[in-house]
Amino acid sequence: HGSEDVARLSAVRKAVGDGYEIMTDSNQGFSVDEAVRRAERLRDLDLAWIEEPLPADDIDGHVRLSNSTATPIAVGESLYSIRHFREYMQKGGCNIIQVDAGRIGGITPWLKVAHAAEAFDMPVCPHFLMELHVSLVCAIRNGKYVEYIPQLDELTGAKMRIENGHALAPSEPGIGIDWDWDAVKAKSIAEFTTAIVK
């Protein structure tokens, strides 16, 4: 409910003060009218962004929302093509790009989206895959934040290094993910194998 969101986020703002960024994620949960109403009610809380307020395929709705609020609108977690990102940027349907290398098709298309975002003066704050994305964010001029998912720490050998509030890119070769296969196996529900018979 909208008033509950306002109360919760007001309590968070009061607790952390003005020196902290507060990001919200709507998981595509609102209609355009509801998103516009909520953004207006949350305006004074100085949110860093509202993430995925509308269904990802509603670009025109995002444009309407972006034009109605000063709060930045973040998209990307549910976008799977460079063209989709381009259309969002060209139409003004977002302010922050959350491109995900695992969903966009790898590092090369991720970099294409990030460079396009730079041309539109938009920061890149990628979704998920922090071990990979920390290096990519360090490689672009408009990288701002890396999403940190601590629940994955128990499944990886090397953890993402954070010093003084900054994520550091690994110096080891590879894409940054060092799976602890014993931990992965311990968390697995079942193990499947496939045999090719000639």
N, C-alpha and C. Protein backbone atom coordinates (compact mmCIF):
# COMPACT_ATOMS: atom_id res chain seq x y z
N HIS A 1 0.84 -1.18 0.00
CA HIS A 1 0.00 0.00 0.00
C HIS A 1 0.88 1.24 0.00
N GLY A 2 0.47 2.28 -0.69
CA GLY A 2 1.28 3.48 -0.85
C GLY A 2 1.64 4.17 0.45
N SER A 3 0.68 4.30 1.37
CA SER A 3 0.97 4.99 2.63
C SER A 3 1.94 4.18 3.49
N GLU A 4 1.87 2.84 3.39
CA GLU A 4 2.83 2.01 4.11
C GLU A 4 4.24 2.22 3.57
N ASP A 5 4.37 2.30 2.24
CA ASP A 5 5.68 2.56 1.64
C ASP A 5 6.24 3.89 2.10
N VAL A 6 5.39 4.92 2.13
CA VAL A 6 5.84 6.24 2.57
C VAL A 6 6.30 6.17 4.02
N ALA A 7 5.54 5.49 4.88
CA ALA A 7 5.90 5.39 6.30
C ALA A 7 7.22 4.63 6.47
N ARG A 8 7.36 3.51 5.77
CA ARG A 8 8.60 2.72 5.89
C ARG A 8 9.82 3.51 5.39
N LEU A 9 9.69 4.09 4.21
CA LEU A 9 10.82 4.82 3.65
C LEU A 9 11.13 6.09 4.43
N SER A 10 10.12 6.71 5.01
CA SER A 10 10.36 7.87 5.88
C SER A 10 11.14 7.45 7.12
N ALA A 11 10.80 6.28 7.67
CA ALA A 11 11.53 5.77 8.83
C ALA A 11 12.98 5.46 8.48
N VAL A 12 13.19 4.89 7.29
CA VAL A 12 14.56 4.61 6.85
C VAL A 12 15.33 5.92 6.68
N ARG A 13 14.72 6.91 6.04
CA ARG A 13 15.40 8.19 5.83
C ARG A 13 15.75 8.82 7.18
N LYS A 14 14.82 8.76 8.12
CA LYS A 14 15.08 9.33 9.45
C LYS A 14 16.22 8.59 10.14
N ALA A 15 16.26 7.27 9.99
CA ALA A 15 17.29 6.47 10.66
C ALA A 15 18.68 6.69 10.07
N VAL A 16 18.77 6.79 8.75
CA VAL A 16 20.10 6.88 8.12
C VAL A 16 20.52 8.32 7.84
N GLY A 17 19.58 9.24 7.83
CA GLY A 17 19.90 10.63 7.56
C GLY A 17 20.06 10.91 6.08
N ASP A 18 20.48 12.12 5.79
CA ASP A 18 20.59 12.56 4.40
C ASP A 18 21.87 12.10 3.71
N GLY A 19 22.81 11.54 4.47
CA GLY A 19 24.09 11.15 3.90
C GLY A 19 24.10 9.80 3.20
N TYR A 20 22.97 9.12 3.17
CA TYR A 20 22.89 7.80 2.54
C TYR A 20 21.90 7.81 1.39
N GLU A 21 22.24 7.05 0.36
CA GLU A 21 21.35 6.88 -0.78
C GLU A 21 20.34 5.78 -0.46
N ILE A 22 19.09 6.00 -0.78
CA ILE A 22 18.06 4.98 -0.62
C ILE A 22 17.54 4.64 -2.01
N MET A 23 17.64 3.37 -2.37
CA MET A 23 17.13 2.90 -3.66
C MET A 23 15.91 2.02 -3.40
N THR A 24 14.90 2.13 -4.24
CA THR A 24 13.72 1.29 -4.11
C THR A 24 13.57 0.43 -5.36
N ASP A 25 12.99 -0.75 -5.20
CA ASP A 25 12.78 -1.67 -6.31
C ASP A 25 11.32 -2.11 -6.30
N SER A 26 10.60 -1.78 -7.35
CA SER A 26 9.17 -2.09 -7.44
C SER A 26 8.90 -3.40 -8.15
N ASN A 27 9.92 -4.00 -8.75
CA ASN A 27 9.77 -5.28 -9.45
C ASN A 27 8.60 -5.30 -10.42
N GLN A 28 8.48 -4.22 -11.20
CA GLN A 28 7.46 -4.10 -12.25
C GLN A 28 6.05 -4.19 -11.68
N GLY A 29 5.85 -3.69 -10.46
CA GLY A 29 4.60 -3.92 -9.75
C GLY A 29 3.50 -2.90 -9.89
N PHE A 30 3.73 -1.80 -10.63
CA PHE A 30 2.73 -0.74 -10.64
C PHE A 30 2.20 -0.47 -12.04
N SER A 31 1.00 0.10 -12.07
CA SER A 31 0.49 0.71 -13.31
C SER A 31 1.14 2.09 -13.41
N VAL A 32 1.01 2.72 -14.56
CA VAL A 32 1.60 4.05 -14.73
C VAL A 32 1.00 5.02 -13.73
N ASP A 33 -0.32 5.04 -13.62
CA ASP A 33 -0.97 5.99 -12.71
C ASP A 33 -0.52 5.78 -11.27
N GLU A 34 -0.43 4.53 -10.85
CA GLU A 34 0.01 4.23 -9.48
C GLU A 34 1.46 4.65 -9.27
N ALA A 35 2.32 4.38 -10.25
CA ALA A 35 3.73 4.77 -10.13
C ALA A 35 3.88 6.28 -10.04
N VAL A 36 3.11 7.02 -10.84
CA VAL A 36 3.15 8.49 -10.79
C VAL A 36 2.71 8.97 -9.40
N ARG A 37 1.63 8.40 -8.87
CA ARG A 37 1.15 8.79 -7.54
C ARG A 37 2.20 8.50 -6.46
N ARG A 38 2.78 7.31 -6.52
CA ARG A 38 3.77 6.94 -5.50
C ARG A 38 5.03 7.80 -5.61
N ALA A 39 5.48 8.05 -6.80
CA ALA A 39 6.67 8.90 -6.97
C ALA A 39 6.43 10.28 -6.37
N GLU A 40 5.24 10.81 -6.57
CA GLU A 40 4.90 12.12 -6.00
C GLU A 40 4.90 12.06 -4.47
N ARG A 41 4.35 11.01 -3.91
CA ARG A 41 4.29 10.89 -2.45
C ARG A 41 5.68 10.67 -1.84
N LEU A 42 6.60 10.11 -2.61
CA LEU A 42 7.95 9.83 -2.10
C LEU A 42 8.95 10.94 -2.43
N ARG A 43 8.49 11.96 -3.13
CA ARG A 43 9.38 13.01 -3.65
C ARG A 43 10.29 13.60 -2.59
N ASP A 44 9.77 13.92 -1.43
CA ASP A 44 10.55 14.62 -0.41
C ASP A 44 11.58 13.74 0.30
N LEU A 45 11.58 12.44 0.01
CA LEU A 45 12.53 11.53 0.65
C LEU A 45 13.86 11.48 -0.09
N ASP A 46 13.96 12.15 -1.22
CA ASP A 46 15.21 12.24 -1.99
C ASP A 46 15.78 10.85 -2.28
N LEU A 47 14.96 10.00 -2.89
CA LEU A 47 15.40 8.65 -3.25
C LEU A 47 16.44 8.70 -4.36
N ALA A 48 17.39 7.78 -4.30
CA ALA A 48 18.40 7.67 -5.36
C ALA A 48 17.75 7.21 -6.66
N TRP A 49 16.76 6.30 -6.53
CA TRP A 49 16.02 5.86 -7.71
C TRP A 49 14.83 5.01 -7.33
N ILE A 50 13.95 4.86 -8.31
CA ILE A 50 12.87 3.88 -8.27
C ILE A 50 13.19 2.89 -9.38
N GLU A 51 13.43 1.65 -8.99
CA GLU A 51 13.84 0.61 -9.95
C GLU A 51 12.63 -0.18 -10.43
N GLU A 52 12.59 -0.41 -11.73
CA GLU A 52 11.55 -1.23 -12.37
C GLU A 52 10.15 -0.94 -11.84
N PRO A 53 9.69 0.30 -11.95
CA PRO A 53 8.36 0.61 -11.43
C PRO A 53 7.23 0.00 -12.24
N LEU A 54 7.45 -0.20 -13.54
CA LEU A 54 6.42 -0.66 -14.47
C LEU A 54 6.89 -1.90 -15.21
N PRO A 55 5.98 -2.61 -15.88
CA PRO A 55 6.42 -3.71 -16.73
C PRO A 55 7.49 -3.23 -17.73
N ALA A 56 8.50 -4.04 -17.94
CA ALA A 56 9.65 -3.64 -18.76
C ALA A 56 9.27 -3.29 -20.19
N ASP A 57 8.19 -3.85 -20.71
CA ASP A 57 7.82 -3.55 -22.10
C ASP A 57 7.00 -2.27 -22.23
N ASP A 58 6.72 -1.59 -21.13
CA ASP A 58 5.94 -0.35 -21.17
C ASP A 58 6.87 0.86 -21.22
N ILE A 59 7.52 1.04 -22.35
CA ILE A 59 8.45 2.16 -22.49
C ILE A 59 7.72 3.49 -22.41
N ASP A 60 6.57 3.60 -23.08
CA ASP A 60 5.83 4.87 -23.04
C ASP A 60 5.38 5.21 -21.62
N GLY A 61 5.01 4.21 -20.84
CA GLY A 61 4.66 4.45 -19.44
C GLY A 61 5.85 4.96 -18.65
N HIS A 62 7.03 4.40 -18.91
CA HIS A 62 8.24 4.88 -18.24
C HIS A 62 8.54 6.32 -18.64
N VAL A 63 8.31 6.66 -19.90
CA VAL A 63 8.52 8.04 -20.35
C VAL A 63 7.59 8.97 -19.56
N ARG A 64 6.33 8.60 -19.48
CA ARG A 64 5.36 9.42 -18.74
C ARG A 64 5.79 9.58 -17.29
N LEU A 65 6.20 8.48 -16.65
CA LEU A 65 6.64 8.54 -15.26
C LEU A 65 7.88 9.41 -15.12
N SER A 66 8.86 9.21 -15.98
CA SER A 66 10.10 9.99 -15.92
C SER A 66 9.83 11.48 -16.06
N ASN A 67 8.88 11.82 -16.92
CA ASN A 67 8.54 13.23 -17.12
C ASN A 67 7.76 13.83 -15.95
N SER A 68 7.21 12.97 -15.09
CA SER A 68 6.38 13.46 -13.99
C SER A 68 7.11 13.58 -12.66
N THR A 69 8.35 13.10 -12.59
CA THR A 69 9.06 13.08 -11.31
C THR A 69 10.53 13.46 -11.48
N ALA A 70 11.07 14.04 -10.42
CA ALA A 70 12.51 14.32 -10.40
C ALA A 70 13.30 13.11 -9.88
N THR A 71 12.60 12.14 -9.31
CA THR A 71 13.28 10.93 -8.81
C THR A 71 13.73 10.10 -10.00
N PRO A 72 15.01 9.74 -10.06
CA PRO A 72 15.49 8.93 -11.19
C PRO A 72 14.78 7.58 -11.29
N ILE A 73 14.59 7.15 -12.53
CA ILE A 73 13.97 5.86 -12.82
C ILE A 73 15.06 4.93 -13.36
N ALA A 74 15.20 3.77 -12.73
CA ALA A 74 16.22 2.79 -13.11
C ALA A 74 15.58 1.61 -13.81
N VAL A 75 16.17 1.20 -14.94
CA VAL A 75 15.68 0.04 -15.68
C VAL A 75 16.86 -0.80 -16.16
N GLY A 76 16.57 -2.05 -16.50
CA GLY A 76 17.60 -2.87 -17.12
C GLY A 76 17.60 -4.32 -16.72
N GLU A 77 17.20 -4.61 -15.50
CA GLU A 77 17.21 -6.00 -15.03
C GLU A 77 16.39 -6.91 -15.95
N SER A 78 15.32 -6.38 -16.51
CA SER A 78 14.43 -7.19 -17.35
C SER A 78 14.49 -6.80 -18.82
N LEU A 79 15.59 -6.20 -19.23
CA LEU A 79 15.79 -5.85 -20.64
C LEU A 79 16.85 -6.79 -21.22
N TYR A 80 16.58 -7.30 -22.40
CA TYR A 80 17.43 -8.35 -22.96
C TYR A 80 18.04 -8.01 -24.31
N SER A 81 17.89 -6.77 -24.78
CA SER A 81 18.49 -6.42 -26.07
C SER A 81 19.02 -4.99 -26.05
N ILE A 82 20.04 -4.77 -26.84
CA ILE A 82 20.62 -3.44 -26.97
C ILE A 82 19.57 -2.47 -27.49
N ARG A 83 18.75 -2.91 -28.41
CA ARG A 83 17.72 -2.04 -28.99
C ARG A 83 16.72 -1.58 -27.95
N HIS A 84 16.37 -2.46 -27.04
CA HIS A 84 15.42 -2.10 -25.98
C HIS A 84 16.01 -0.99 -25.11
N PHE A 85 17.28 -1.13 -24.72
CA PHE A 85 17.95 -0.08 -23.95
C PHE A 85 18.01 1.22 -24.75
N ARG A 86 18.35 1.11 -26.03
CA ARG A 86 18.45 2.31 -26.87
C ARG A 86 17.12 3.05 -26.90
N GLU A 87 16.03 2.30 -27.05
CA GLU A 87 14.72 2.95 -27.11
C GLU A 87 14.39 3.66 -25.79
N TYR A 88 14.69 3.02 -24.69
CA TYR A 88 14.49 3.67 -23.39
C TYR A 88 15.27 4.98 -23.30
N MET A 89 16.54 4.93 -23.68
CA MET A 89 17.39 6.11 -23.58
C MET A 89 16.94 7.21 -24.53
N GLN A 90 16.66 6.85 -25.78
CA GLN A 90 16.25 7.85 -26.76
C GLN A 90 14.94 8.53 -26.39
N LYS A 91 14.00 7.77 -25.85
CA LYS A 91 12.69 8.33 -25.51
C LYS A 91 12.66 9.02 -24.14
N GLY A 92 13.72 8.84 -23.35
CA GLY A 92 13.75 9.45 -22.02
C GLY A 92 12.95 8.69 -20.99
N GLY A 93 12.90 7.37 -21.12
CA GLY A 93 12.12 6.55 -20.20
C GLY A 93 12.87 6.11 -18.96
N CYS A 94 14.11 6.56 -18.81
CA CYS A 94 14.89 6.17 -17.64
C CYS A 94 16.00 7.17 -17.42
N ASN A 95 16.63 7.06 -16.25
CA ASN A 95 17.77 7.91 -15.89
C ASN A 95 18.99 7.10 -15.49
N ILE A 96 18.77 5.83 -15.14
CA ILE A 96 19.83 4.96 -14.66
C ILE A 96 19.71 3.62 -15.37
N ILE A 97 20.85 3.10 -15.84
CA ILE A 97 20.88 1.86 -16.61
C ILE A 97 21.42 0.73 -15.74
N GLN A 98 20.64 -0.35 -15.64
CA GLN A 98 21.03 -1.51 -14.82
C GLN A 98 21.23 -2.74 -15.71
N VAL A 99 22.05 -2.60 -16.71
CA VAL A 99 22.30 -3.69 -17.64
C VAL A 99 22.97 -4.86 -16.92
N ASP A 100 22.59 -6.06 -17.30
CA ASP A 100 23.07 -7.30 -16.69
C ASP A 100 23.75 -8.12 -17.78
N ALA A 101 25.05 -8.40 -17.61
CA ALA A 101 25.80 -9.14 -18.63
C ALA A 101 25.21 -10.52 -18.89
N GLY A 102 24.64 -11.14 -17.87
CA GLY A 102 24.04 -12.46 -18.03
C GLY A 102 22.75 -12.45 -18.82
N ARG A 103 22.11 -11.31 -18.87
CA ARG A 103 20.82 -11.21 -19.57
C ARG A 103 20.94 -10.53 -20.93
N ILE A 104 21.94 -9.69 -21.10
CA ILE A 104 22.08 -8.95 -22.36
C ILE A 104 22.87 -9.75 -23.40
N GLY A 105 23.54 -10.82 -22.97
CA GLY A 105 24.25 -11.66 -23.92
C GLY A 105 25.76 -11.63 -23.78
N GLY A 106 26.27 -11.15 -22.66
CA GLY A 106 27.71 -11.20 -22.43
C GLY A 106 28.35 -9.83 -22.26
N ILE A 107 29.66 -9.84 -22.21
CA ILE A 107 30.44 -8.64 -21.93
C ILE A 107 30.36 -7.63 -23.07
N THR A 108 30.49 -8.07 -24.31
CA THR A 108 30.49 -7.13 -25.44
C THR A 108 29.19 -6.34 -25.54
N PRO A 109 28.01 -6.97 -25.54
CA PRO A 109 26.79 -6.16 -25.57
C PRO A 109 26.61 -5.32 -24.31
N TRP A 110 27.09 -5.81 -23.17
CA TRP A 110 27.02 -5.02 -21.94
C TRP A 110 27.79 -3.71 -22.13
N LEU A 111 28.99 -3.81 -22.67
CA LEU A 111 29.79 -2.61 -22.90
C LEU A 111 29.13 -1.67 -23.91
N LYS A 112 28.49 -2.22 -24.93
CA LYS A 112 27.78 -1.37 -25.90
C LYS A 112 26.68 -0.58 -25.22
N VAL A 113 25.91 -1.23 -24.37
CA VAL A 113 24.85 -0.52 -23.64
C VAL A 113 25.45 0.53 -22.71
N ALA A 114 26.52 0.18 -22.01
CA ALA A 114 27.16 1.12 -21.08
C ALA A 114 27.68 2.35 -21.81
N HIS A 115 28.28 2.15 -22.97
CA HIS A 115 28.79 3.30 -23.74
C HIS A 115 27.65 4.14 -24.30
N ALA A 116 26.57 3.50 -24.71
CA ALA A 116 25.40 4.26 -25.16
C ALA A 116 24.85 5.10 -24.00
N ALA A 117 24.81 4.51 -22.81
CA ALA A 117 24.34 5.25 -21.63
C ALA A 117 25.23 6.46 -21.36
N GLU A 118 26.53 6.31 -21.56
CA GLU A 118 27.43 7.45 -21.37
C GLU A 118 27.08 8.58 -22.33
N ALA A 119 26.73 8.24 -23.57
CA ALA A 119 26.35 9.27 -24.54
C ALA A 119 25.09 10.02 -24.11
N PHE A 120 24.26 9.38 -23.29
CA PHE A 120 23.04 10.02 -22.79
C PHE A 120 23.23 10.56 -21.36
N ASP A 121 24.48 10.61 -20.90
CA ASP A 121 24.80 11.08 -19.54
C ASP A 121 24.06 10.30 -18.46
N MET A 122 23.97 9.00 -18.65
CA MET A 122 23.29 8.15 -17.67
C MET A 122 24.30 7.24 -16.99
N PRO A 123 24.21 7.13 -15.66
CA PRO A 123 25.09 6.20 -14.95
C PRO A 123 24.66 4.76 -15.17
N VAL A 124 25.63 3.86 -15.03
CA VAL A 124 25.38 2.42 -15.12
C VAL A 124 25.57 1.83 -13.73
N CYS A 125 24.55 1.14 -13.27
CA CYS A 125 24.55 0.45 -11.98
C CYS A 125 24.02 -0.95 -12.25
N PRO A 126 24.89 -1.88 -12.66
CA PRO A 126 24.42 -3.17 -13.17
C PRO A 126 23.65 -4.01 -12.16
N HIS A 127 22.82 -4.86 -12.71
CA HIS A 127 22.02 -5.80 -11.93
C HIS A 127 22.82 -7.08 -11.70
N PHE A 128 22.91 -7.53 -10.43
CA PHE A 128 23.42 -8.85 -10.07
C PHE A 128 24.86 -9.08 -10.54
N LEU A 129 25.32 -10.32 -10.56
CA LEU A 129 26.64 -10.76 -11.03
C LEU A 129 27.77 -9.82 -10.61
N MET A 130 27.80 -9.47 -9.32
CA MET A 130 28.74 -8.45 -8.86
C MET A 130 30.19 -8.80 -9.11
N GLU A 131 30.52 -10.10 -9.06
CA GLU A 131 31.92 -10.49 -9.27
C GLU A 131 32.39 -10.13 -10.67
N LEU A 132 31.52 -10.26 -11.65
CA LEU A 132 31.84 -9.87 -13.03
C LEU A 132 31.67 -8.37 -13.22
N HIS A 133 30.57 -7.83 -12.73
CA HIS A 133 30.25 -6.43 -12.99
C HIS A 133 31.20 -5.44 -12.34
N VAL A 134 31.84 -5.82 -11.23
CA VAL A 134 32.76 -4.87 -10.60
C VAL A 134 33.89 -4.50 -11.56
N SER A 135 34.41 -5.45 -12.31
CA SER A 135 35.47 -5.15 -13.29
C SER A 135 34.93 -4.31 -14.44
N LEU A 136 33.72 -4.62 -14.89
CA LEU A 136 33.13 -3.86 -16.00
C LEU A 136 32.84 -2.42 -15.59
N VAL A 137 32.32 -2.23 -14.39
CA VAL A 137 32.04 -0.87 -13.92
C VAL A 137 33.33 -0.07 -13.81
N CYS A 138 34.42 -0.73 -13.43
CA CYS A 138 35.72 -0.04 -13.36
C CYS A 138 36.25 0.33 -14.74
N ALA A 139 35.74 -0.32 -15.77
CA ALA A 139 36.24 -0.11 -17.14
C ALA A 139 35.49 0.99 -17.89
N ILE A 140 34.45 1.55 -17.29
CA ILE A 140 33.67 2.58 -17.98
C ILE A 140 33.68 3.87 -17.16
N ARG A 141 33.47 4.98 -17.85
CA ARG A 141 33.49 6.29 -17.18
C ARG A 141 32.22 6.55 -16.38
N ASN A 142 31.11 5.95 -16.76
CA ASN A 142 29.83 6.25 -16.14
C ASN A 142 29.35 5.16 -15.18
N GLY A 143 30.25 4.30 -14.75
CA GLY A 143 29.88 3.31 -13.75
C GLY A 143 29.70 3.98 -12.40
N LYS A 144 28.63 3.63 -11.69
CA LYS A 144 28.36 4.30 -10.41
C LYS A 144 28.33 3.33 -9.24
N TYR A 145 27.49 2.31 -9.30
CA TYR A 145 27.35 1.37 -8.20
C TYR A 145 27.43 -0.06 -8.72
N VAL A 146 27.83 -0.97 -7.83
CA VAL A 146 27.77 -2.40 -8.10
C VAL A 146 26.83 -3.00 -7.06
N GLU A 147 25.88 -3.77 -7.52
CA GLU A 147 24.94 -4.41 -6.61
C GLU A 147 25.67 -5.52 -5.84
N TYR A 148 25.49 -5.54 -4.54
CA TYR A 148 26.15 -6.54 -3.70
C TYR A 148 25.11 -7.49 -3.13
N ILE A 149 25.25 -8.77 -3.40
CA ILE A 149 24.32 -9.80 -2.95
C ILE A 149 25.07 -10.71 -1.97
N PRO A 150 25.03 -10.43 -0.67
CA PRO A 150 25.83 -11.22 0.28
C PRO A 150 25.43 -12.68 0.37
N GLN A 151 24.22 -13.02 -0.06
CA GLN A 151 23.78 -14.41 0.02
C GLN A 151 24.65 -15.34 -0.82
N LEU A 152 25.34 -14.79 -1.82
CA LEU A 152 26.18 -15.63 -2.67
C LEU A 152 27.57 -15.86 -2.09
N ASP A 153 27.93 -15.12 -1.04
CA ASP A 153 29.28 -15.24 -0.47
C ASP A 153 29.61 -16.67 -0.05
N GLU A 154 28.62 -17.39 0.47
CA GLU A 154 28.90 -18.74 0.95
C GLU A 154 29.12 -19.73 -0.19
N LEU A 155 28.86 -19.32 -1.43
CA LEU A 155 29.05 -20.21 -2.58
C LEU A 155 30.30 -19.89 -3.38
N THR A 156 31.01 -18.85 -3.00
CA THR A 156 32.20 -18.45 -3.76
C THR A 156 33.42 -18.49 -2.86
N GLY A 157 34.56 -18.78 -3.48
CA GLY A 157 35.81 -18.82 -2.74
C GLY A 157 36.29 -17.42 -2.41
N ALA A 158 36.51 -16.62 -3.44
CA ALA A 158 36.95 -15.24 -3.25
C ALA A 158 35.72 -14.34 -3.17
N LYS A 159 35.70 -13.46 -2.20
CA LYS A 159 34.59 -12.53 -2.02
C LYS A 159 34.92 -11.20 -2.70
N MET A 160 33.89 -10.46 -3.05
CA MET A 160 34.13 -9.13 -3.61
C MET A 160 34.76 -8.27 -2.51
N ARG A 161 35.85 -7.62 -2.86
CA ARG A 161 36.54 -6.78 -1.88
C ARG A 161 35.93 -5.38 -1.88
N ILE A 162 35.64 -4.91 -0.69
CA ILE A 162 35.09 -3.56 -0.52
C ILE A 162 35.97 -2.85 0.49
N GLU A 163 36.51 -1.69 0.10
CA GLU A 163 37.34 -0.88 0.99
C GLU A 163 36.83 0.55 0.97
N ASN A 164 36.58 1.08 2.15
CA ASN A 164 36.08 2.44 2.30
C ASN A 164 34.85 2.71 1.43
N GLY A 165 33.98 1.72 1.36
CA GLY A 165 32.75 1.89 0.60
C GLY A 165 32.88 1.71 -0.90
N HIS A 166 34.05 1.31 -1.36
CA HIS A 166 34.28 1.13 -2.80
C HIS A 166 34.59 -0.33 -3.10
N ALA A 167 33.92 -0.87 -4.11
CA ALA A 167 34.20 -2.23 -4.57
C ALA A 167 35.46 -2.21 -5.43
N LEU A 168 36.32 -3.17 -5.22
CA LEU A 168 37.58 -3.24 -5.95
C LEU A 168 37.54 -4.39 -6.95
N ALA A 169 37.99 -4.12 -8.16
CA ALA A 169 38.05 -5.16 -9.18
C ALA A 169 39.13 -6.17 -8.80
N PRO A 170 38.91 -7.45 -9.06
CA PRO A 170 39.93 -8.45 -8.76
C PRO A 170 41.13 -8.30 -9.70
N SER A 171 42.30 -8.69 -9.23
CA SER A 171 43.49 -8.63 -10.07
C SER A 171 43.79 -9.97 -10.73
N GLU A 172 43.06 -11.02 -10.32
CA GLU A 172 43.28 -12.34 -10.89
C GLU A 172 42.64 -12.42 -12.28
N PRO A 173 43.19 -13.29 -13.15
CA PRO A 173 42.56 -13.46 -14.47
C PRO A 173 41.20 -14.14 -14.35
N GLY A 174 40.39 -13.95 -15.36
CA GLY A 174 39.07 -14.57 -15.38
C GLY A 174 37.97 -13.54 -15.24
N ILE A 175 36.74 -14.03 -15.05
CA ILE A 175 35.61 -13.11 -14.99
C ILE A 175 35.22 -12.77 -13.55
N GLY A 176 36.00 -13.20 -12.58
CA GLY A 176 35.79 -12.76 -11.22
C GLY A 176 35.03 -13.72 -10.32
N ILE A 177 34.43 -14.75 -10.87
CA ILE A 177 33.65 -15.67 -10.06
C ILE A 177 34.47 -16.91 -9.76
N ASP A 178 34.71 -17.16 -8.48
CA ASP A 178 35.48 -18.31 -8.01
C ASP A 178 34.54 -19.19 -7.20
N TRP A 179 33.85 -20.09 -7.89
CA TRP A 179 32.86 -20.93 -7.21
C TRP A 179 33.53 -21.87 -6.22
N ASP A 180 32.93 -22.02 -5.06
CA ASP A 180 33.31 -23.04 -4.09
C ASP A 180 32.41 -24.23 -4.40
N TRP A 181 32.91 -25.15 -5.23
CA TRP A 181 32.07 -26.23 -5.74
C TRP A 181 31.57 -27.16 -4.65
N ASP A 182 32.33 -27.30 -3.56
CA ASP A 182 31.84 -28.11 -2.43
C ASP A 182 30.62 -27.44 -1.80
N ALA A 183 30.66 -26.12 -1.65
CA ALA A 183 29.51 -25.39 -1.09
C ALA A 183 28.32 -25.44 -2.04
N VAL A 184 28.58 -25.34 -3.34
CA VAL A 184 27.49 -25.43 -4.32
C VAL A 184 26.84 -26.80 -4.24
N LYS A 185 27.67 -27.85 -4.16
CA LYS A 185 27.14 -29.21 -4.09
C LYS A 185 26.33 -29.41 -2.81
N ALA A 186 26.81 -28.85 -1.71
CA ALA A 186 26.10 -28.99 -0.43
C ALA A 186 24.72 -28.32 -0.47
N LYS A 187 24.58 -27.28 -1.26
CA LYS A 187 23.30 -26.56 -1.37
C LYS A 187 22.40 -27.13 -2.46
N SER A 188 22.94 -28.02 -3.27
CA SER A 188 22.17 -28.56 -4.40
C SER A 188 21.07 -29.48 -3.91
N ILE A 189 19.96 -29.46 -4.59
CA ILE A 189 18.85 -30.34 -4.26
C ILE A 189 19.07 -31.71 -4.90
N ALA A 190 19.54 -31.70 -6.13
CA ALA A 190 19.78 -32.95 -6.85
C ALA A 190 20.92 -32.71 -7.83
N GLU A 191 21.54 -33.80 -8.22
CA GLU A 191 22.62 -33.71 -9.21
C GLU A 191 22.20 -34.53 -10.42
N PHE A 192 22.32 -33.93 -11.58
CA PHE A 192 21.95 -34.60 -12.81
C PHE A 192 23.18 -34.78 -13.68
N THR A 193 23.27 -35.91 -14.33
CA THR A 193 24.34 -36.14 -15.28
C THR A 193 23.72 -36.60 -16.59
N THR A 194 24.41 -36.32 -17.64
CA THR A 194 23.95 -36.73 -18.96
C THR A 194 25.06 -37.53 -19.62
N ALA A 195 24.69 -38.61 -20.21
CA ALA A 195 25.66 -39.43 -20.93
C ALA A 195 25.28 -39.44 -22.41
N ILE A 196 26.28 -39.31 -23.24
CA ILE A 196 26.05 -39.40 -24.68
C ILE A 196 26.44 -40.81 -25.11
N VAL A 197 25.49 -41.51 -25.66
CA VAL A 197 25.71 -42.90 -26.06
C VAL A 197 25.83 -42.94 -27.57
N LYS A 198 26.86 -43.60 -28.05
CA LYS A 198 27.05 -43.73 -29.50
C LYS A 198 26.47 -45.01 -29.99
